[in-house]
Amino acid sequence: MVVGRRVGPSTSQLHAIDNMTTDLSTRHELVGSLFRLPTTREAWDRYRLSDEQVRFFEENGFLSGIKILDDAQVEALRAEVAELADPNCTGHEFFYEYHSNESASPETVLFHALGAWRTRPGLHDILWSPAFTVAASQLLRGKVRFWHDQLFCKPLRHGGVVAWHQDYSYWTRTQPMAHLTCWIGLDDATRDNGCVCYIPGSHRWPLLPVTGLAGDMNAIQTVLNDEQKAQFKPTFAELKAGEAVFHHPLMVHGSYENRTDRPRRAVVINAMADGVKSASSDTLLEGVPPVPPGEKMSGQFFPLLFDPAAV
């Protein structure tokens, strides 16, 4: 049985310390030693995407195989994710959402959470990784601001499908649509273990009605027109551990079940262009004070990650 619960601190708890865990959302710079920022323009430029890669993204709506993490960084983040998969972990109150089954074995934990950047130094600092921020800046065409993160752990031999959907369907409370998703594998992602799948070119489709994320993998077919159904030809974004795939907020994507004997773990960074504003008086993330409609997304929970003009 999957247990889901939304968690988040009250305003008085936003800067609280729980045992050894501080709310790292108050720190908008590197706090650990896992990542380093370049010190020269030439060093920054080594992380730039080629013109061909940018064109591929613009034409297809996704770009895969971008190296984000080295082997040591992958291992360190795996260790942090393993800690957070325990519902009794320190810092648990800082999650915006936390969903887990009740498995006692790390290999069989089905785990999805938002807000890990607030709880562990590696998962905090990956937001400022130059391999991510430079590419994101090119694809967003400017400054990169943080929206929210996600952790996905798809256990071995488990259903765990994520049905076909568009991310912006769940983000319309922020406008204009100038968002980007970066899905980073902590394990090799393959067809067999549920890598992300895309419908190339679907980022040019309009925003579709929401048909859900769990259960029926193909529920989206009920809202497609004949032309869209004819274009519905999945591409599997297989990755090595440490590699990432970027995708457009309207990109139709999903993932099938893990049929292997190993877990499939991933970190997801959702970003937006600087200047995106709140379009809702509702709470945007559980435990985070609402951003009034029309006000720019900024502040403690939505830090600026990268300004290309500053390099």
C-alpha atoms as a PDB file:
ATOM      1  CA  MET A   1       0.000   0.000   0.000  1.00  0.00           C
ATOM      2  CA  VAL A   2       1.276   3.470  -0.860  1.00  0.00           C
ATOM      3  CA  VAL A   3       1.080   6.049   1.879  1.00  0.00           C
ATOM      4  CA  GLY A   4       0.981   9.664   0.754  1.00  0.00           C
ATOM      5  CA  ARG A   5       1.046  12.707   2.917  1.00  0.00           C
ATOM      6  CA  ARG A   6       1.661  16.372   2.352  1.00  0.00           C
ATOM      7  CA  VAL A   7       3.996  17.892   4.884  1.00  0.00           C
ATOM      8  CA  GLY A   8       5.421  21.326   5.481  1.00  0.00           C
ATOM      9  CA  PRO A   9       6.384  23.623   8.313  1.00  0.00           C
ATOM     10  CA  SER A  10       4.373  26.484   9.663  1.00  0.00           C
ATOM     11  CA  THR A  11       5.778  29.971   9.184  1.00  0.00           C
ATOM     12  CA  SER A  12       7.347  29.841  12.656  1.00  0.00           C
ATOM     13  CA  GLN A  13       9.178  26.629  11.711  1.00  0.00           C
ATOM     14  CA  LEU A  14      10.708  27.835   8.452  1.00  0.00           C
ATOM     15  CA  HIS A  15      14.142  28.373  10.013  1.00  0.00           C
ATOM     16  CA  ALA A  16      13.923  25.603  12.597  1.00  0.00           C
ATOM     17  CA  ILE A  17      16.666  23.105  13.315  1.00  0.00           C
ATOM     18  CA  ASP A  18      15.581  19.500  13.773  1.00  0.00           C
ATOM     19  CA  ASN A  19      18.371  17.503  15.416  1.00  0.00           C
ATOM     20  CA  MET A  20      21.254  18.079  12.981  1.00  0.00           C
ATOM     21  CA  THR A  21      19.142  19.254  10.028  1.00  0.00           C
ATOM     22  CA  THR A  22      18.783  22.926   9.178  1.00  0.00           C
ATOM     23  CA  ASP A  23      16.331  24.217   6.575  1.00  0.00           C
ATOM     24  CA  LEU A  24      18.761  24.745   3.698  1.00  0.00           C
ATOM     25  CA  SER A  25      16.274  26.868   1.756  1.00  0.00           C
ATOM     26  CA  THR A  26      17.800  29.792   3.681  1.00  0.00           C
ATOM     27  CA  ARG A  27      21.125  29.183   1.883  1.00  0.00           C
ATOM     28  CA  HIS A  28      21.339  30.317  -1.738  1.00  0.00           C
ATOM     29  CA  GLU A  29      24.882  29.159  -2.413  1.00  0.00           C
ATOM     30  CA  LEU A  30      26.880  25.957  -2.200  1.00  0.00           C
ATOM     31  CA  VAL A  31      26.892  24.581   1.336  1.00  0.00           C
ATOM     32  CA  GLY A  32      28.878  21.370   0.831  1.00  0.00           C
ATOM     33  CA  SER A  33      31.958  20.100  -0.990  1.00  0.00           C
ATOM     34  CA  LEU A  34      30.286  17.921  -3.639  1.00  0.00           C
ATOM     35  CA  PHE A  35      30.148  20.623  -6.324  1.00  0.00           C
ATOM     36  CA  ARG A  36      32.483  23.441  -7.336  1.00  0.00           C
ATOM     37  CA  LEU A  37      31.759  26.509  -9.459  1.00  0.00           C
ATOM     38  CA  PRO A  38      34.113  27.482 -12.297  1.00  0.00           C
ATOM     39  CA  THR A  39      36.327  30.493 -11.702  1.00  0.00           C
ATOM     40  CA  THR A  40      36.935  31.577 -15.315  1.00  0.00           C
ATOM     41  CA  ARG A  41      34.743  32.286 -18.317  1.00  0.00           C
ATOM     42  CA  GLU A  42      36.505  29.525 -20.240  1.00  0.00           C
ATOM     43  CA  ALA A  43      35.732  27.024 -17.495  1.00  0.00           C
ATOM     44  CA  TRP A  44      32.053  28.003 -17.524  1.00  0.00           C
ATOM     45  CA  ASP A  45      31.941  27.673 -21.311  1.00  0.00           C
ATOM     46  CA  ARG A  46      32.918  24.013 -21.104  1.00  0.00           C
ATOM     47  CA  TYR A  47      29.407  23.318 -19.821  1.00  0.00           C
ATOM     48  CA  ARG A  48      27.654  25.014 -22.725  1.00  0.00           C
ATOM     49  CA  LEU A  49      25.403  23.049 -25.049  1.00  0.00           C
ATOM     50  CA  SER A  50      26.275  23.116 -28.720  1.00  0.00           C
ATOM     51  CA  ASP A  51      24.092  24.978 -31.208  1.00  0.00           C
ATOM     52  CA  GLU A  52      23.066  21.584 -32.584  1.00  0.00           C
ATOM     53  CA  GLN A  53      21.885  20.425 -29.148  1.00  0.00           C
ATOM     54  CA  VAL A  54      19.837  23.592 -28.628  1.00  0.00           C
ATOM     55  CA  ARG A  55      18.241  23.158 -32.077  1.00  0.00           C
ATOM     56  CA  PHE A  56      17.417  19.529 -31.261  1.00  0.00           C
ATOM     57  CA  PHE A  57      15.648  20.633 -28.075  1.00  0.00           C
ATOM     58  CA  GLU A  58      13.689  23.324 -29.885  1.00  0.00           C
ATOM     59  CA  GLU A  59      12.615  20.892 -32.617  1.00  0.00           C
ATOM     60  CA  ASN A  60      11.833  17.845 -30.484  1.00  0.00           C
ATOM     61  CA  GLY A  61      11.016  19.262 -27.043  1.00  0.00           C
ATOM     62  CA  PHE A  62      13.650  17.276 -25.152  1.00  0.00           C
ATOM     63  CA  LEU A  63      17.411  16.736 -25.021  1.00  0.00           C
ATOM     64  CA  SER A  64      18.994  13.673 -23.431  1.00  0.00           C
ATOM     65  CA  GLY A  65      22.435  12.357 -22.538  1.00  0.00           C
ATOM     66  CA  ILE A  66      23.739  15.511 -20.838  1.00  0.00           C
ATOM     67  CA  LYS A  67      26.381  14.646 -18.234  1.00  0.00           C
ATOM     68  CA  ILE A  68      25.533  16.321 -14.919  1.00  0.00           C
ATOM     69  CA  LEU A  69      27.178  14.143 -12.235  1.00  0.00           C
ATOM     70  CA  ASP A  70      30.440  12.231 -11.937  1.00  0.00           C
ATOM     71  CA  ASP A  71      30.597   8.836 -10.246  1.00  0.00           C
ATOM     72  CA  ALA A  72      31.455  10.229  -6.804  1.00  0.00           C
ATOM     73  CA  GLN A  73      28.559  12.695  -6.953  1.00  0.00           C
ATOM     74  CA  VAL A  74      26.175   9.916  -7.990  1.00  0.00           C
ATOM     75  CA  GLU A  75      27.225   7.787  -5.018  1.00  0.00           C
ATOM     76  CA  ALA A  76      26.903  10.691  -2.577  1.00  0.00           C
ATOM     77  CA  LEU A  77      23.411  11.559  -3.792  1.00  0.00           C
ATOM     78  CA  ARG A  78      22.332   7.921  -3.689  1.00  0.00           C
ATOM     79  CA  ALA A  79      23.329   7.873  -0.014  1.00  0.00           C
ATOM     80  CA  GLU A  80      21.308  11.013   0.719  1.00  0.00           C
ATOM     81  CA  VAL A  81      18.276   9.650  -1.104  1.00  0.00           C
ATOM     82  CA  ALA A  82      18.530   6.397   0.876  1.00  0.00           C
ATOM     83  CA  GLU A  83      18.394   8.411   4.104  1.00  0.00           C
ATOM     84  CA  LEU A  84      15.364  10.376   2.940  1.00  0.00           C
ATOM     85  CA  ALA A  85      13.472   7.254   1.880  1.00  0.00           C
ATOM     86  CA  ASP A  86      13.083   6.523   5.602  1.00  0.00           C
ATOM     87  CA  PRO A  87       9.876   8.308   6.723  1.00  0.00           C
ATOM     88  CA  ASN A  88      11.550   8.928  10.097  1.00  0.00           C
ATOM     89  CA  CYS A  89      14.524  10.771   8.625  1.00  0.00           C
ATOM     90  CA  THR A  90      15.677  14.056  10.093  1.00  0.00           C
ATOM     91  CA  GLY A  91      14.456  17.074   8.169  1.00  0.00           C
ATOM     92  CA  HIS A  92      11.255  15.312   7.179  1.00  0.00           C
ATOM     93  CA  GLU A  93       9.182  18.349   8.146  1.00  0.00           C
ATOM     94  CA  PHE A  94      10.782  20.380   5.352  1.00  0.00           C
ATOM     95  CA  PHE A  95       9.285  18.339   2.501  1.00  0.00           C
ATOM     96  CA  TYR A  96       6.475  19.915   0.470  1.00  0.00           C
ATOM     97  CA  GLU A  97       5.166  16.429  -0.338  1.00  0.00           C
ATOM     98  CA  TYR A  98       6.252  12.957   0.711  1.00  0.00           C
ATOM     99  CA  HIS A  99       4.872   9.689  -0.655  1.00  0.00           C
ATOM    100  CA  SER A 100       6.232   6.269   0.250  1.00  0.00           C
ATOM    101  CA  ASN A 101       5.163   2.667   0.680  1.00  0.00           C
ATOM    102  CA  GLU A 102       5.799   0.862   3.946  1.00  0.00           C
ATOM    103  CA  SER A 103       8.638  -1.350   2.740  1.00  0.00           C
ATOM    104  CA  ALA A 104      11.455  -2.115   5.162  1.00  0.00           C
ATOM    105  CA  SER A 105      13.907  -2.864   2.338  1.00  0.00           C
ATOM    106  CA  PRO A 106      15.639   0.046   0.542  1.00  0.00           C
ATOM    107  CA  GLU A 107      15.459  -1.865  -2.756  1.00  0.00           C
ATOM    108  CA  THR A 108      11.675  -2.104  -2.601  1.00  0.00           C
ATOM    109  CA  VAL A 109      10.830   1.440  -1.496  1.00  0.00           C
ATOM    110  CA  LEU A 110       8.466   3.294  -3.818  1.00  0.00           C
ATOM    111  CA  PHE A 111       9.317   6.875  -3.029  1.00  0.00           C
ATOM    112  CA  HIS A 112       8.350  10.271  -4.430  1.00  0.00           C
ATOM    113  CA  ALA A 113       9.040  13.527  -2.624  1.00  0.00           C
ATOM    114  CA  LEU A 114       9.274  17.285  -3.201  1.00  0.00           C
ATOM    115  CA  GLY A 115      11.567  19.529  -1.175  1.00  0.00           C
ATOM    116  CA  ALA A 116      14.714  17.451  -0.705  1.00  0.00           C
ATOM    117  CA  TRP A 117      16.877  20.504  -1.461  1.00  0.00           C
ATOM    118  CA  ARG A 118      15.965  21.812   1.987  1.00  0.00           C
ATOM    119  CA  THR A 119      17.239  18.753   3.834  1.00  0.00           C
ATOM    120  CA  ARG A 120      20.633  17.508   2.561  1.00  0.00           C
ATOM    121  CA  PRO A 121      23.715  19.362   1.278  1.00  0.00           C
ATOM    122  CA  GLY A 122      24.211  17.356  -1.918  1.00  0.00           C
ATOM    123  CA  LEU A 123      20.575  17.584  -2.974  1.00  0.00           C
ATOM    124  CA  HIS A 124      20.705  21.288  -2.148  1.00  0.00           C
ATOM    125  CA  ASP A 125      23.897  22.011  -4.042  1.00  0.00           C
ATOM    126  CA  ILE A 126      22.948  20.128  -7.211  1.00  0.00           C
ATOM    127  CA  LEU A 127      20.666  23.076  -7.996  1.00  0.00           C
ATOM    128  CA  TRP A 128      23.790  25.192  -8.526  1.00  0.00           C
ATOM    129  CA  SER A 129      25.679  22.535 -10.501  1.00  0.00           C
ATOM    130  CA  PRO A 130      27.148  24.353 -13.527  1.00  0.00           C
ATOM    131  CA  ALA A 131      26.402  21.398 -15.795  1.00  0.00           C
ATOM    132  CA  PHE A 132      22.729  22.008 -15.012  1.00  0.00           C
ATOM    133  CA  THR A 133      22.556  25.796 -14.728  1.00  0.00           C
ATOM    134  CA  VAL A 134      24.485  26.637 -17.901  1.00  0.00           C
ATOM    135  CA  ALA A 135      22.414  24.284 -20.068  1.00  0.00           C
ATOM    136  CA  ALA A 136      19.182  25.440 -18.417  1.00  0.00           C
ATOM    137  CA  SER A 137      20.097  29.061 -19.100  1.00  0.00           C
ATOM    138  CA  GLN A 138      20.596  28.318 -22.779  1.00  0.00           C
ATOM    139  CA  LEU A 139      17.275  26.489 -23.082  1.00  0.00           C
ATOM    140  CA  LEU A 140      15.381  29.137 -21.077  1.00  0.00           C
ATOM    141  CA  ARG A 141      17.270  31.925 -22.866  1.00  0.00           C
ATOM    142  CA  GLY A 142      18.291  33.846 -19.785  1.00  0.00           C
ATOM    143  CA  LYS A 143      18.443  33.772 -16.006  1.00  0.00           C
ATOM    144  CA  VAL A 144      17.455  30.541 -14.264  1.00  0.00           C
ATOM    145  CA  ARG A 145      15.249  30.554 -11.172  1.00  0.00           C
ATOM    146  CA  PHE A 146      14.361  27.503  -9.075  1.00  0.00           C
ATOM    147  CA  TRP A 147      10.759  26.214  -9.051  1.00  0.00           C
ATOM    148  CA  HIS A 148      10.923  22.949  -7.088  1.00  0.00           C
ATOM    149  CA  ASP A 149      12.706  19.602  -6.974  1.00  0.00           C
ATOM    150  CA  GLN A 150      11.538  15.995  -6.918  1.00  0.00           C
ATOM    151  CA  LEU A 151      12.944  12.612  -5.945  1.00  0.00           C
ATOM    152  CA  PHE A 152      11.758   9.457  -7.694  1.00  0.00           C
ATOM    153  CA  CYS A 153      12.621   5.943  -6.506  1.00  0.00           C
ATOM    154  CA  LYS A 154      11.015   3.221  -8.603  1.00  0.00           C
ATOM    155  CA  PRO A 155      11.687  -0.095  -6.827  1.00  0.00           C
ATOM    156  CA  LEU A 156      12.661  -3.349  -8.468  1.00  0.00           C
ATOM    157  CA  ARG A 157       9.919  -5.452 -10.068  1.00  0.00           C
ATOM    158  CA  HIS A 158       7.305  -2.798  -9.374  1.00  0.00           C
ATOM    159  CA  GLY A 159       4.545  -1.171 -11.391  1.00  0.00           C
ATOM    160  CA  GLY A 160       5.270   2.437 -10.513  1.00  0.00           C
ATOM    161  CA  VAL A 161       4.142   3.838 -13.857  1.00  0.00           C
ATOM    162  CA  VAL A 162       3.890   7.589 -14.361  1.00  0.00           C
ATOM    163  CA  ALA A 163       1.136   8.132 -16.914  1.00  0.00           C
ATOM    164  CA  TRP A 164       1.576  10.328 -19.987  1.00  0.00           C
ATOM    165  CA  HIS A 165       1.217  14.002 -19.056  1.00  0.00           C
ATOM    166  CA  GLN A 166       2.472  17.554 -19.550  1.00  0.00           C
ATOM    167  CA  ASP A 167       4.226  19.132 -16.568  1.00  0.00           C
ATOM    168  CA  TYR A 168       2.702  22.555 -17.105  1.00  0.00           C
ATOM    169  CA  SER A 169      -0.744  21.061 -16.524  1.00  0.00           C
ATOM    170  CA  TYR A 170       0.197  21.157 -12.843  1.00  0.00           C
ATOM    171  CA  TRP A 171       2.036  24.499 -12.948  1.00  0.00           C
ATOM    172  CA  THR A 172      -0.539  26.895 -14.419  1.00  0.00           C
ATOM    173  CA  ARG A 173      -0.530  28.728 -11.102  1.00  0.00           C
ATOM    174  CA  THR A 174       2.700  30.317 -12.369  1.00  0.00           C
ATOM    175  CA  GLN A 175       2.774  32.398 -15.556  1.00  0.00           C
ATOM    176  CA  PRO A 176       3.950  32.976 -18.223  1.00  0.00           C
ATOM    177  CA  MET A 177       4.908  29.467 -19.251  1.00  0.00           C
ATOM    178  CA  ALA A 178       8.699  29.685 -19.200  1.00  0.00           C
ATOM    179  CA  HIS A 179       9.655  26.498 -17.386  1.00  0.00           C
ATOM    180  CA  LEU A 180      12.073  23.613 -17.822  1.00  0.00           C
ATOM    181  CA  THR A 181      12.524  20.153 -16.316  1.00  0.00           C
ATOM    182  CA  CYS A 182      15.837  18.354 -15.835  1.00  0.00           C
ATOM    183  CA  TRP A 183      15.557  14.628 -15.001  1.00  0.00           C
ATOM    184  CA  ILE A 184      18.865  13.267 -13.633  1.00  0.00           C
ATOM    185  CA  GLY A 185      19.444   9.539 -13.290  1.00  0.00           C
ATOM    186  CA  LEU A 186      21.118   8.138 -10.183  1.00  0.00           C
ATOM    187  CA  ASP A 187      21.008   4.727 -11.867  1.00  0.00           C
ATOM    188  CA  ASP A 188      21.223   3.719 -15.497  1.00  0.00           C
ATOM    189  CA  ALA A 189      17.752   4.408 -16.915  1.00  0.00           C
ATOM    190  CA  THR A 190      16.604   1.862 -19.503  1.00  0.00           C
ATOM    191  CA  ARG A 191      13.449   0.684 -21.213  1.00  0.00           C
ATOM    192  CA  ASP A 192      13.344  -2.231 -18.796  1.00  0.00           C
ATOM    193  CA  ASN A 193      13.510  -0.203 -15.581  1.00  0.00           C
ATOM    194  CA  GLY A 194      11.214   2.651 -16.573  1.00  0.00           C
ATOM    195  CA  CYS A 195      13.238   5.427 -18.200  1.00  0.00           C
ATOM    196  CA  VAL A 196      11.369   8.566 -19.218  1.00  0.00           C
ATOM    197  CA  CYS A 197       9.571   8.330 -22.573  1.00  0.00           C
ATOM    198  CA  TYR A 198       8.691  11.257 -24.840  1.00  0.00           C
ATOM    199  CA  ILE A 199       6.454  12.052 -27.780  1.00  0.00           C
ATOM    200  CA  PRO A 200       8.794  14.123 -29.977  1.00  0.00           C
ATOM    201  CA  GLY A 201       7.238  17.375 -31.129  1.00  0.00           C
ATOM    202  CA  SER A 202       4.360  17.247 -28.644  1.00  0.00           C
ATOM    203  CA  HIS A 203       5.701  20.417 -26.978  1.00  0.00           C
ATOM    204  CA  ARG A 204       3.964  22.243 -29.856  1.00  0.00           C
ATOM    205  CA  TRP A 205       0.579  20.869 -28.790  1.00  0.00           C
ATOM    206  CA  PRO A 206      -1.724  23.025 -26.680  1.00  0.00           C
ATOM    207  CA  LEU A 207      -2.201  22.393 -22.978  1.00  0.00           C
ATOM    208  CA  LEU A 208      -4.229  19.195 -22.680  1.00  0.00           C
ATOM    209  CA  PRO A 209      -6.832  18.319 -20.034  1.00  0.00           C
ATOM    210  CA  VAL A 210      -5.357  16.592 -16.982  1.00  0.00           C
ATOM    211  CA  THR A 211      -5.877  12.824 -17.079  1.00  0.00           C
ATOM    212  CA  GLY A 212      -3.875  11.825 -13.992  1.00  0.00           C
ATOM    213  CA  LEU A 213      -0.395  10.540 -13.213  1.00  0.00           C
ATOM    214  CA  ALA A 214      -1.054   7.087 -11.771  1.00  0.00           C
ATOM    215  CA  GLY A 215      -3.022   4.049 -12.788  1.00  0.00           C
ATOM    216  CA  ASP A 216      -3.892   4.101 -16.481  1.00  0.00           C
ATOM    217  CA  MET A 217      -0.717   4.757 -18.474  1.00  0.00           C
ATOM    218  CA  ASN A 218      -2.678   5.583 -21.609  1.00  0.00           C
ATOM    219  CA  ALA A 219      -5.469   7.719 -20.145  1.00  0.00           C
ATOM    220  CA  ILE A 220      -4.192  10.648 -22.190  1.00  0.00           C
ATOM    221  CA  GLN A 221      -5.479   8.968 -25.355  1.00  0.00           C
ATOM    222  CA  THR A 222      -9.006   9.991 -24.375  1.00  0.00           C
ATOM    223  CA  VAL A 223      -8.184  13.695 -24.874  1.00  0.00           C
ATOM    224  CA  LEU A 224      -6.084  13.515 -28.065  1.00  0.00           C
ATOM    225  CA  ASN A 225      -7.404  14.408 -31.508  1.00  0.00           C
ATOM    226  CA  ASP A 226      -6.750  12.228 -34.539  1.00  0.00           C
ATOM    227  CA  GLU A 227      -3.664  14.173 -35.603  1.00  0.00           C
ATOM    228  CA  GLN A 228      -2.128  13.912 -32.143  1.00  0.00           C
ATOM    229  CA  LYS A 229      -2.866  10.189 -31.995  1.00  0.00           C
ATOM    230  CA  ALA A 230      -1.077   9.728 -35.320  1.00  0.00           C
ATOM    231  CA  GLN A 231       1.972  11.551 -33.912  1.00  0.00           C
ATOM    232  CA  PHE A 232       1.962   9.501 -30.695  1.00  0.00           C
ATOM    233  CA  LYS A 233       5.187   7.566 -31.254  1.00  0.00           C
ATOM    234  CA  PRO A 234       7.165   7.167 -27.996  1.00  0.00           C
ATOM    235  CA  THR A 235      10.915   7.688 -27.802  1.00  0.00           C
ATOM    236  CA  PHE A 236      12.770   6.166 -24.834  1.00  0.00           C
ATOM    237  CA  ALA A 237      15.347   8.450 -23.192  1.00  0.00           C
ATOM    238  CA  GLU A 238      17.820   5.855 -21.953  1.00  0.00           C
ATOM    239  CA  LEU A 239      20.577   7.341 -19.772  1.00  0.00           C
ATOM    240  CA  LYS A 240      23.704   6.350 -17.900  1.00  0.00           C
ATOM    241  CA  ALA A 241      23.807   7.156 -14.178  1.00  0.00           C
ATOM    242  CA  GLY A 242      24.776  10.815 -13.830  1.00  0.00           C
ATOM    243  CA  GLU A 243      23.275  11.811 -17.171  1.00  0.00           C
ATOM    244  CA  ALA A 244      20.191  13.974 -17.584  1.00  0.00           C
ATOM    245  CA  VAL A 245      17.372  14.674 -19.977  1.00  0.00           C
ATOM    246  CA  PHE A 246      15.866  18.161 -20.257  1.00  0.00           C
ATOM    247  CA  HIS A 247      12.314  18.697 -21.454  1.00  0.00           C
ATOM    248  CA  HIS A 248       9.847  21.457 -22.324  1.00  0.00           C
ATOM    249  CA  PRO A 249       6.879  22.102 -19.960  1.00  0.00           C
ATOM    250  CA  LEU A 250       4.345  21.057 -22.632  1.00  0.00           C
ATOM    251  CA  MET A 251       6.276  17.920 -23.588  1.00  0.00           C
ATOM    252  CA  VAL A 252       4.105  14.807 -23.312  1.00  0.00           C
ATOM    253  CA  HIS A 253       6.080  12.256 -21.317  1.00  0.00           C
ATOM    254  CA  GLY A 254       5.720   9.363 -18.894  1.00  0.00           C
ATOM    255  CA  SER A 255       7.489   6.226 -17.699  1.00  0.00           C
ATOM    256  CA  TYR A 256       6.622   2.544 -17.619  1.00  0.00           C
ATOM    257  CA  GLU A 257       7.132   0.071 -14.791  1.00  0.00           C
ATOM    258  CA  ASN A 258      10.485  -1.175 -13.526  1.00  0.00           C
ATOM    259  CA  ARG A 259      10.781  -4.803 -14.641  1.00  0.00           C
ATOM    260  CA  THR A 260      14.358  -5.309 -13.428  1.00  0.00           C
ATOM    261  CA  ASP A 261      15.953  -6.530 -10.195  1.00  0.00           C
ATOM    262  CA  ARG A 262      17.426  -3.111  -9.357  1.00  0.00           C
ATOM    263  CA  PRO A 263      15.806   0.147  -8.201  1.00  0.00           C
ATOM    264  CA  ARG A 264      15.636   3.141 -10.537  1.00  0.00           C
ATOM    265  CA  ARG A 265      16.348   6.423  -8.744  1.00  0.00           C
ATOM    266  CA  ALA A 266      16.331   9.978 -10.042  1.00  0.00           C
ATOM    267  CA  VAL A 267      16.574  13.604  -8.997  1.00  0.00           C
ATOM    268  CA  VAL A 268      14.438  16.111 -10.888  1.00  0.00           C
ATOM    269  CA  ILE A 269      15.048  19.857 -10.963  1.00  0.00           C
ATOM    270  CA  ASN A 270      12.201  22.027 -12.175  1.00  0.00           C
ATOM    271  CA  ALA A 271      13.302  25.520 -13.112  1.00  0.00           C
ATOM    272  CA  MET A 272      11.770  28.653 -14.623  1.00  0.00           C
ATOM    273  CA  ALA A 273      12.952  31.809 -16.291  1.00  0.00           C
ATOM    274  CA  ASP A 274      13.532  34.759 -14.021  1.00  0.00           C
ATOM    275  CA  GLY A 275      10.429  36.933 -14.232  1.00  0.00           C
ATOM    276  CA  VAL A 276       7.771  34.219 -14.000  1.00  0.00           C
ATOM    277  CA  LYS A 277       5.001  35.394 -11.665  1.00  0.00           C
ATOM    278  CA  SER A 278       2.441  33.840  -9.400  1.00  0.00           C
ATOM    279  CA  ALA A 279      -0.978  33.444 -11.004  1.00  0.00           C
ATOM    280  CA  SER A 280      -2.810  32.184  -7.933  1.00  0.00           C
ATOM    281  CA  SER A 281      -3.601  33.265  -4.393  1.00  0.00           C
ATOM    282  CA  ASP A 282      -3.429  29.624  -3.335  1.00  0.00           C
ATOM    283  CA  THR A 283      -0.439  27.960  -1.717  1.00  0.00           C
ATOM    284  CA  LEU A 284       2.019  27.054  -4.475  1.00  0.00           C
ATOM    285  CA  LEU A 285       3.961  24.528  -2.378  1.00  0.00           C
ATOM    286  CA  GLU A 286       2.786  23.052   0.915  1.00  0.00           C
ATOM    287  CA  GLY A 287       4.259  24.942   3.849  1.00  0.00           C
ATOM    288  CA  VAL A 288       5.469  27.866   1.725  1.00  0.00           C
ATOM    289  CA  PRO A 289       3.744  31.238   2.205  1.00  0.00           C
ATOM    290  CA  PRO A 290       1.543  32.092  -0.817  1.00  0.00           C
ATOM    291  CA  VAL A 291       2.929  34.451  -3.450  1.00  0.00           C
ATOM    292  CA  PRO A 292       0.240  37.029  -4.297  1.00  0.00           C
ATOM    293  CA  PRO A 293      -0.994  36.917  -7.907  1.00  0.00           C
ATOM    294  CA  GLY A 294       1.061  39.117 -10.187  1.00  0.00           C
ATOM    295  CA  GLU A 295       4.126  39.098  -7.947  1.00  0.00           C
ATOM    296  CA  LYS A 296       7.400  37.714  -9.226  1.00  0.00           C
ATOM    297  CA  MET A 297       8.450  34.285  -8.041  1.00  0.00           C
ATOM    298  CA  SER A 298      11.483  34.978  -5.846  1.00  0.00           C
ATOM    299  CA  GLY A 299      12.706  34.888  -2.273  1.00  0.00           C
ATOM    300  CA  GLN A 300      13.676  32.091   0.067  1.00  0.00           C
ATOM    301  CA  PHE A 301      11.986  29.224  -1.762  1.00  0.00           C
ATOM    302  CA  PHE A 302      12.551  30.326  -5.357  1.00  0.00           C
ATOM    303  CA  PRO A 303      16.207  31.419  -5.534  1.00  0.00           C
ATOM    304  CA  LEU A 304      17.983  32.684  -8.616  1.00  0.00           C
ATOM    305  CA  LEU A 305      20.349  29.887  -9.645  1.00  0.00           C
ATOM    306  CA  PHE A 306      22.227  31.408 -12.556  1.00  0.00           C
ATOM    307  CA  ASP A 307      22.658  34.710 -14.372  1.00  0.00           C
ATOM    308  CA  PRO A 308      24.651  34.300 -17.618  1.00  0.00           C
ATOM    309  CA  ALA A 309      25.523  38.003 -17.585  1.00  0.00           C
ATOM    310  CA  ALA A 310      27.391  37.520 -14.308  1.00  0.00           C
ATOM    311  CA  VAL A 311      29.821  34.967 -15.748  1.00  0.00           C
END
